[in-house]
């Protein structure tokens, strides 16, 4: 089920050849392809949505986050509706399926985006920055005036193992008092306690949290998926505070807007630790 549309959807992920990239295919619309790149970003309210020639693919961030961290450069993602299924609100099922089927190394060298200049973005008290670094890292902080959240911060050092254990299980979350208004605007029509953490004014409706700081961990999950729209693995350090999909994707656009911000390097010239982190 799609979180926002509430409609049933089937998803299938297939291998793809070298230099294909991650490409969504709307099999219900004559197999129409939409590349998972920032140039196709259309909407970033409550989810990241791609659009090409009027055709949409929505809520892509959890799936793209999983594909990116596991180093999957080339894949065809088939959908028969406009929204990626929300599953349990996390990336756990995507990770389990990737681990179950395994990965195949292809006969081509991976090229990395290596950050060379600091970039800082700020909008309405929300900030995101990227710095040159020797690995892909994220430091994310949030601050919600709610007793179950408050101030939370998490440091993520990118690796498939760390992601599978510490980030993938973190579920999306929302506030009960906002649900009615969101549904009027065509959002969260498929939301339930089975696929989201629902917060009341003082607590949560769900039985239990998976992590004490599950909320900020989920923000990192979203962040990785949005950053993957750069189209290549990258090496740099992200520092974000109260950011969201809009700032995540804007950062990708800013990075790519000036070739002085980064360097494209083949994996063979990077240290093993950099390649592993990318």
Protein backbone atom coordinates (compact mmCIF):
# COMPACT_ATOMS: atom_id res chain seq x y z
CA UNK A 1 0.00 0.00 0.00
CA UNK A 2 1.09 3.56 -0.69
CA UNK A 3 1.35 5.70 2.45
CA UNK A 4 -0.13 8.83 0.91
CA UNK A 5 -2.38 7.46 -1.84
CA UNK A 6 -3.69 4.53 0.20
CA UNK A 7 -3.76 2.54 -3.05
CA UNK A 8 -2.49 -0.99 -3.64
CA UNK A 9 0.82 -1.26 -5.49
CA UNK A 10 3.11 -4.06 -6.63
CA UNK A 11 6.87 -3.54 -6.79
CA UNK A 12 9.56 -5.64 -8.42
CA UNK A 13 13.30 -4.91 -8.57
CA UNK A 14 15.30 -6.40 -11.44
CA UNK A 15 19.01 -6.45 -12.34
CA UNK A 16 20.19 -3.91 -14.91
CA UNK A 17 23.32 -3.60 -17.06
CA UNK A 18 26.41 -1.49 -16.34
CA UNK A 19 25.88 2.31 -16.40
CA UNK A 20 22.10 1.89 -16.38
CA UNK A 21 21.54 3.56 -13.01
CA UNK A 22 18.41 3.21 -10.89
CA UNK A 23 15.39 3.63 -13.15
CA UNK A 24 11.74 3.35 -12.13
CA UNK A 25 9.30 1.88 -14.66
CA UNK A 26 5.55 2.50 -14.47
CA UNK A 27 4.40 -0.84 -15.88
CA UNK A 28 0.80 0.39 -15.70
CA UNK A 29 1.73 3.20 -18.13
CA UNK A 30 3.40 1.31 -20.99
CA UNK A 31 6.55 0.72 -18.91
CA UNK A 32 7.29 4.46 -18.77
CA UNK A 33 10.83 5.04 -17.35
CA UNK A 34 11.79 7.67 -14.77
CA UNK A 35 15.44 7.95 -13.78
CA UNK A 36 16.22 8.32 -10.06
CA UNK A 37 18.15 11.58 -10.42
CA UNK A 38 17.68 14.99 -8.88
CA UNK A 39 16.72 16.54 -12.23
CA UNK A 40 13.44 14.60 -12.01
CA UNK A 41 12.51 15.76 -8.49
CA UNK A 42 9.05 17.35 -8.59
CA UNK A 43 7.66 17.51 -5.04
CA UNK A 44 9.25 17.25 -1.61
CA UNK A 45 6.30 17.72 0.77
CA UNK A 46 6.11 14.80 3.24
CA UNK A 47 7.83 12.53 0.68
CA UNK A 48 10.15 12.80 -2.31
CA UNK A 49 8.40 12.55 -5.67
CA UNK A 50 9.91 12.21 -9.13
CA UNK A 51 8.14 13.36 -12.28
CA UNK A 52 8.98 13.03 -15.96
CA UNK A 53 6.66 14.19 -18.73
CA UNK A 54 3.82 14.34 -16.21
CA UNK A 55 4.32 10.78 -14.92
CA UNK A 56 4.92 10.47 -11.16
CA UNK A 57 6.77 8.14 -8.80
CA UNK A 58 6.31 9.05 -5.14
CA UNK A 59 7.73 8.16 -1.70
CA UNK A 60 10.97 6.84 -3.16
CA UNK A 61 13.32 7.64 -0.29
CA UNK A 62 13.24 4.42 1.79
CA UNK A 63 13.87 2.17 -1.20
CA UNK A 64 16.58 4.41 -2.68
CA UNK A 65 18.30 4.63 0.70
CA UNK A 66 18.54 0.83 0.85
CA UNK A 67 19.78 0.46 -2.72
CA UNK A 68 22.38 3.18 -2.20
CA UNK A 69 23.88 1.84 1.03
CA UNK A 70 24.19 -1.65 -0.39
CA UNK A 71 26.09 -0.30 -3.39
CA UNK A 72 23.43 -1.11 -5.97
CA UNK A 73 24.25 1.13 -8.93
CA UNK A 74 22.06 -0.47 -11.58
CA UNK A 75 18.48 -1.68 -11.19
CA UNK A 76 15.06 -1.55 -12.81
CA UNK A 77 12.29 -0.81 -10.31
CA UNK A 78 8.89 -1.81 -11.67
CA UNK A 79 5.72 -0.31 -10.17
CA UNK A 80 2.08 -0.59 -11.21
CA UNK A 81 1.01 2.59 -9.43
CA UNK A 82 2.51 5.98 -8.61
CA UNK A 83 3.76 5.33 -5.05
CA UNK A 84 6.42 2.98 -3.70
CA UNK A 85 4.81 0.75 -1.04
CA UNK A 86 5.34 1.97 2.52
CA UNK A 87 5.55 -1.58 3.99
CA UNK A 88 6.02 -1.11 7.76
CA UNK A 89 7.17 2.51 7.45
CA UNK A 90 10.86 1.61 7.50
CA UNK A 91 13.40 0.13 5.09
CA UNK A 92 13.66 -3.18 6.93
CA UNK A 93 11.86 -5.30 4.32
CA UNK A 94 13.89 -3.78 1.48
CA UNK A 95 17.11 -4.64 3.32
CA UNK A 96 15.99 -8.18 4.07
CA UNK A 97 15.14 -8.82 0.42
CA UNK A 98 18.45 -7.36 -0.79
CA UNK A 99 20.30 -9.60 1.65
CA UNK A 100 18.20 -12.61 0.64
CA UNK A 101 18.79 -12.40 -3.12
CA UNK A 102 22.38 -11.17 -2.89
CA UNK A 103 24.37 -8.85 -5.15
CA UNK A 104 26.37 -9.38 -8.31
CA UNK A 105 29.55 -7.46 -9.05
CA UNK A 106 29.59 -6.02 -12.57
CA UNK A 107 32.62 -5.62 -14.88
CA UNK A 108 32.96 -1.85 -14.59
CA UNK A 109 34.73 0.50 -12.21
CA UNK A 110 32.55 2.60 -9.92
CA UNK A 111 33.02 6.38 -10.05
CA UNK A 112 32.64 8.41 -6.84
CA UNK A 113 31.57 11.98 -6.18
CA UNK A 114 34.25 13.23 -3.77
CA UNK A 115 33.28 16.50 -2.06
CA UNK A 116 35.97 19.21 -2.30
CA UNK A 117 34.20 22.34 -1.01
CA UNK A 118 32.02 23.08 2.00
CA UNK A 119 28.41 23.96 1.24
CA UNK A 120 25.86 25.36 3.69
CA UNK A 121 22.10 25.78 3.19
CA UNK A 122 19.54 27.28 5.57
CA UNK A 123 15.80 27.80 5.34
CA UNK A 124 13.52 28.92 8.19
CA UNK A 125 15.83 27.65 10.93
CA UNK A 126 16.54 24.37 9.12
CA UNK A 127 20.12 23.74 8.02
CA UNK A 128 22.18 21.23 6.07
CA UNK A 129 25.89 21.32 5.25
CA UNK A 130 28.38 19.08 3.50
CA UNK A 131 32.12 18.96 4.13
CA UNK A 132 35.08 17.18 2.54
CA UNK A 133 35.79 13.96 4.43
CA UNK A 134 37.49 10.61 4.07
CA UNK A 135 34.23 8.67 4.36
CA UNK A 136 30.49 9.06 3.89
CA UNK A 137 29.11 10.18 7.25
CA UNK A 138 25.96 11.89 8.50
CA UNK A 139 25.37 13.83 11.71
CA UNK A 140 21.67 14.62 12.03
CA UNK A 141 19.81 16.45 14.78
CA UNK A 142 16.12 17.23 15.30
CA UNK A 143 14.13 19.19 17.86
CA UNK A 144 10.38 18.67 18.27
CA UNK A 145 8.37 20.13 21.20
CA UNK A 146 6.99 16.72 22.10
CA UNK A 147 7.81 14.64 25.20
CA UNK A 148 8.57 11.53 23.13
CA UNK A 149 11.00 13.33 20.82
CA UNK A 150 12.53 16.59 22.07
CA UNK A 151 16.15 17.05 21.01
CA UNK A 152 17.75 14.03 19.35
CA UNK A 153 21.04 13.62 17.47
CA UNK A 154 22.67 10.66 15.76
CA UNK A 155 26.02 10.03 14.06
CA UNK A 156 25.93 7.55 11.18
CA UNK A 157 29.09 6.09 9.67
CA UNK A 158 27.94 4.60 6.39
CA UNK A 159 28.17 0.84 5.88
CA UNK A 160 25.61 -1.83 4.96
CA UNK A 161 25.95 -3.46 8.38
CA UNK A 162 25.43 -0.20 10.29
CA UNK A 163 22.49 0.70 8.09
CA UNK A 164 20.77 -2.67 8.42
CA UNK A 165 21.15 -2.68 12.20
CA UNK A 166 20.77 0.99 13.18
CA UNK A 167 18.86 2.89 10.48
CA UNK A 168 16.72 0.60 8.30
CA UNK A 169 14.30 -0.43 11.12
CA UNK A 170 13.43 3.22 11.98
CA UNK A 171 9.85 4.00 10.95
CA UNK A 172 8.27 7.15 9.58
CA UNK A 173 6.27 9.18 12.08
CA UNK A 174 3.49 11.71 12.21
CA UNK A 175 1.22 13.58 14.59
CA UNK A 176 -2.40 12.53 15.17
CA UNK A 177 -3.67 16.11 15.25
CA UNK A 178 -2.32 16.69 11.71
CA UNK A 179 -3.85 13.58 10.13
CA UNK A 180 -7.26 15.04 9.26
CA UNK A 181 -5.76 18.09 7.55
CA UNK A 182 -3.22 15.97 5.67
CA UNK A 183 -5.94 13.63 4.44
CA UNK A 184 -7.94 16.62 3.15
CA UNK A 185 -4.86 17.46 1.08
CA UNK A 186 -4.62 13.95 -0.33
CA UNK A 187 -1.87 12.73 2.00
CA UNK A 188 -1.45 9.80 4.46
CA UNK A 189 -4.61 8.07 3.18
CA UNK A 190 -2.82 4.75 3.67
CA UNK A 191 -1.33 5.59 7.06
CA UNK A 192 -1.91 3.31 10.04
CA UNK A 193 -0.23 2.00 13.16
CA UNK A 194 1.14 -0.79 10.98
CA UNK A 195 3.25 1.57 8.88
CA UNK A 196 3.97 4.66 10.99
CA UNK A 197 4.61 5.90 14.50
CA UNK A 198 1.59 8.03 15.41
CA UNK A 199 2.11 10.62 18.12
CA UNK A 200 -0.63 12.04 20.33
CA UNK A 201 -0.11 15.28 22.24
CA UNK A 202 1.72 13.47 25.03
CA UNK A 203 2.67 9.99 23.80
CA UNK A 204 2.37 7.48 20.97
CA UNK A 205 -0.45 5.21 19.88
CA UNK A 206 1.94 2.39 18.94
CA UNK A 207 2.89 -0.21 21.53
CA UNK A 208 6.63 0.43 21.52
CA UNK A 209 9.49 2.27 19.84
CA UNK A 210 12.21 0.25 18.12
CA UNK A 211 14.85 2.72 19.34
CA UNK A 212 14.66 5.45 21.94
CA UNK A 213 15.79 7.87 19.22
CA UNK A 214 13.90 6.21 16.35
CA UNK A 215 12.75 9.60 15.08
CA UNK A 216 16.18 11.02 14.22
CA UNK A 217 17.29 7.66 12.83
CA UNK A 218 14.39 7.79 10.41
CA UNK A 219 15.46 11.26 9.32
CA UNK A 220 18.84 9.76 8.40
CA UNK A 221 17.06 7.04 6.41
CA UNK A 222 15.21 9.73 4.44
CA UNK A 223 18.38 11.78 4.05
CA UNK A 224 20.35 8.93 2.46
CA UNK A 225 17.56 8.21 -0.02
CA UNK A 226 17.36 11.85 -1.07
CA UNK A 227 21.15 12.19 -1.31
CA UNK A 228 21.30 9.13 -3.55
CA UNK A 229 19.67 11.26 -6.26
CA UNK A 230 23.15 12.60 -6.96
CA UNK A 231 23.39 9.47 -9.10
CA UNK A 232 26.72 8.13 -7.84
CA UNK A 233 28.21 7.05 -4.53
CA UNK A 234 29.79 10.00 -2.77
CA UNK A 235 32.33 10.73 -0.10
CA UNK A 236 31.68 13.60 2.28
CA UNK A 237 30.25 14.48 5.68
CA UNK A 238 26.67 15.70 6.05
CA UNK A 239 25.65 17.80 9.05
CA UNK A 240 21.91 18.49 9.19
CA UNK A 241 19.66 20.14 11.75
CA UNK A 242 15.88 19.93 11.47
CA UNK A 243 16.23 19.54 7.70
CA UNK A 244 13.85 17.61 5.47
CA UNK A 245 13.29 16.43 1.92
CA UNK A 246 13.39 19.95 0.46
CA UNK A 247 16.81 20.79 1.88
CA UNK A 248 18.18 17.30 1.20
CA UNK A 249 17.37 17.50 -2.51
CA UNK A 250 18.38 21.18 -2.76
CA UNK A 251 21.81 20.24 -1.43
CA UNK A 252 22.21 17.65 -4.18
CA UNK A 253 21.30 20.26 -6.79
CA UNK A 254 23.77 22.76 -5.32
CA UNK A 255 26.58 20.21 -5.27
CA UNK A 256 26.05 19.40 -8.93
CA UNK A 257 25.59 23.04 -9.96
CA UNK A 258 29.31 23.83 -9.70
CA UNK A 259 32.05 21.38 -10.77
CA UNK A 260 34.37 23.03 -8.23
CA UNK A 261 32.29 21.49 -5.43
CA UNK A 262 33.36 17.94 -6.17
CA UNK A 263 35.68 15.65 -8.07
CA UNK A 264 34.73 12.50 -9.92
CA UNK A 265 37.22 9.76 -9.07
CA UNK A 266 37.34 6.06 -9.95
CA UNK A 267 37.31 3.66 -7.02
CA UNK A 268 40.78 2.40 -7.95
CA UNK A 269 42.42 5.66 -6.82
CA UNK A 270 40.62 5.79 -3.46
CA UNK A 271 41.74 4.19 -0.25
CA UNK A 272 39.90 0.96 0.67
CA UNK A 273 38.18 2.67 3.60
CA UNK A 274 36.79 5.36 1.31
CA UNK A 275 35.43 2.81 -1.15
CA UNK A 276 33.82 0.80 1.66
CA UNK A 277 32.16 3.91 3.07
CA UNK A 278 30.94 5.07 -0.32
